[in-house]
Amino acid sequence: MANSKLVYSTSGDNLCRRCGKALQKCRCDIGKQRQQSGDGTLKIQRETKGRGGKEVTVISGFILDADELKVLAKRLKASCGTGGSVKDGTIEIQGDHRNKLQQLLEQSGYKTKLSGG
């Protein structure tokens, strides 16, 4: 990062201080600690903002690395029969599946909480 010619960035606080890469791509210990800053209680909420009125169920608060998060997301999407994605340490599932996801996650041993509207 010493030879970096970056003048201005809007990326904010999502870069690793050691290697300068995005936290999702960081392989340093500092980036992994920062990415796993959840408290262990998963928050399940429904969002429609910025999606043209379509509902998305967002699950946040994971203490998992990126690979484990992708495997869990795949299992949750398959059980709901919908699509979704993993973004910035959260899982987004298309549609309003809060109750079903809460049951599935609690059966897997996670502590969950419904939040938002």
Protein backbone atom coordinates (compact mmCIF):
# COMPACT_ATOMS: atom_id res chain seq x y z
CA MET A 1 0.00 0.00 0.00
CA ALA A 2 3.06 2.26 0.26
CA ASN A 3 3.23 2.68 -3.53
CA SER A 4 -0.48 3.33 -3.91
CA LYS A 5 -1.43 6.35 -6.01
CA LEU A 6 -5.02 6.45 -4.78
CA VAL A 7 -6.15 10.06 -4.41
CA TYR A 8 -9.77 9.66 -3.30
CA SER A 9 -12.03 6.73 -2.55
CA THR A 10 -15.69 6.45 -1.59
CA SER A 11 -15.29 2.85 -0.45
CA GLY A 12 -15.33 3.93 3.18
CA ASP A 13 -14.24 1.58 5.92
CA ASN A 14 -14.40 -1.77 4.13
CA LEU A 15 -10.70 -2.09 3.25
CA CYS A 16 -8.13 -4.12 5.14
CA ARG A 17 -5.53 -1.93 6.82
CA ARG A 18 -2.73 -4.42 6.19
CA CYS A 19 -3.11 -5.37 2.51
CA GLY A 20 -5.48 -2.66 1.23
CA LYS A 21 -7.92 -5.13 -0.36
CA ALA A 22 -11.66 -5.27 0.23
CA LEU A 23 -12.53 -7.24 3.38
CA GLN A 24 -14.30 -9.91 1.30
CA LYS A 25 -11.08 -10.56 -0.66
CA CYS A 26 -8.66 -10.07 2.25
CA ARG A 27 -6.59 -13.06 3.34
CA CYS A 28 -4.94 -11.32 6.34
CA ASP A 29 -5.90 -12.03 9.95
CA ILE A 30 -6.98 -8.41 10.51
CA GLY A 31 -9.54 -8.51 7.71
CA LYS A 32 -11.02 -11.80 8.93
CA GLN A 33 -11.42 -10.47 12.46
CA ARG A 34 -13.12 -7.34 11.16
CA GLN A 35 -15.48 -9.29 8.91
CA GLN A 36 -16.55 -11.59 11.76
CA SER A 37 -17.74 -8.77 13.99
CA GLY A 38 -21.24 -10.20 14.53
CA ASP A 39 -22.53 -10.94 18.04
CA GLY A 40 -23.77 -14.45 17.28
CA THR A 41 -27.47 -13.52 17.23
CA LEU A 42 -28.80 -13.60 13.69
CA LYS A 43 -31.16 -10.79 12.80
CA ILE A 44 -33.80 -11.70 10.22
CA GLN A 45 -35.60 -8.79 8.55
CA ARG A 46 -37.69 -8.02 5.48
CA GLU A 47 -36.60 -5.24 3.14
CA THR A 48 -38.14 -3.64 0.07
CA LYS A 49 -36.08 -0.46 -0.15
CA GLY A 50 -34.23 0.00 -3.46
CA ARG A 51 -35.66 -3.17 -4.99
CA GLY A 52 -38.63 -1.84 -6.94
CA GLY A 53 -41.12 -2.93 -4.27
CA LYS A 54 -39.97 -6.56 -4.25
CA GLU A 55 -39.48 -8.20 -0.86
CA VAL A 56 -36.16 -9.65 0.26
CA THR A 57 -35.41 -11.39 3.55
CA VAL A 58 -32.02 -10.28 4.91
CA ILE A 59 -30.14 -12.30 7.54
CA SER A 60 -27.21 -10.60 9.27
CA GLY A 61 -24.97 -11.08 12.31
CA PHE A 62 -23.03 -14.14 11.19
CA ILE A 63 -19.73 -15.21 12.68
CA LEU A 64 -18.71 -17.34 9.69
CA ASP A 65 -16.11 -17.06 6.97
CA ALA A 66 -17.17 -16.41 3.38
CA ASP A 67 -17.11 -20.07 2.27
CA GLU A 68 -19.27 -21.29 5.16
CA LEU A 69 -21.67 -18.41 4.54
CA LYS A 70 -22.09 -19.42 0.88
CA VAL A 71 -22.81 -23.04 1.84
CA LEU A 72 -25.42 -21.95 4.40
CA ALA A 73 -27.01 -19.55 1.89
CA LYS A 74 -27.28 -22.32 -0.69
CA ARG A 75 -29.01 -24.59 1.81
CA LEU A 76 -31.45 -21.86 2.89
CA LYS A 77 -32.27 -20.91 -0.71
CA ALA A 78 -32.95 -24.53 -1.60
CA SER A 79 -35.24 -25.04 1.38
CA CYS A 80 -37.24 -21.91 0.50
CA GLY A 81 -37.27 -22.71 -3.22
CA THR A 82 -36.08 -19.22 -4.17
CA GLY A 83 -32.98 -17.36 -5.24
CA GLY A 84 -30.75 -15.07 -3.25
CA SER A 85 -27.19 -13.95 -2.69
CA VAL A 86 -24.45 -13.32 -0.16
CA LYS A 87 -23.42 -9.66 0.18
CA ASP A 88 -21.12 -8.04 2.75
CA GLY A 89 -21.49 -10.82 5.32
CA THR A 90 -25.29 -11.01 5.00
CA ILE A 91 -27.55 -13.48 3.24
CA GLU A 92 -30.37 -12.13 1.06
CA ILE A 93 -33.22 -14.50 0.19
CA GLN A 94 -35.83 -13.41 -2.37
CA GLY A 95 -39.32 -13.11 -0.92
CA ASP A 96 -40.68 -12.91 2.63
CA HIS A 97 -39.54 -16.15 4.31
CA ARG A 98 -38.76 -14.83 7.80
CA ASN A 99 -40.68 -17.45 9.81
CA LYS A 100 -39.45 -20.42 7.79
CA LEU A 101 -35.85 -19.19 7.89
CA GLN A 102 -36.07 -18.61 11.63
CA GLN A 103 -37.21 -22.21 12.16
CA LEU A 104 -34.49 -23.60 9.88
CA LEU A 105 -31.73 -21.59 11.53
CA GLU A 106 -32.87 -22.46 15.06
CA GLN A 107 -32.94 -26.16 14.12
CA SER A 108 -29.34 -25.75 12.96
CA GLY A 109 -28.36 -24.35 16.36
CA TYR A 110 -28.29 -20.61 15.63
CA LYS A 111 -29.80 -18.00 17.94
CA THR A 112 -32.18 -15.83 15.89
CA LYS A 113 -34.25 -12.69 16.28
CA LEU A 114 -36.87 -11.19 13.97
CA SER A 115 -36.23 -7.48 13.48
CA GLY A 116 -37.74 -4.69 11.43
CA GLY A 117 -41.10 -4.83 9.73
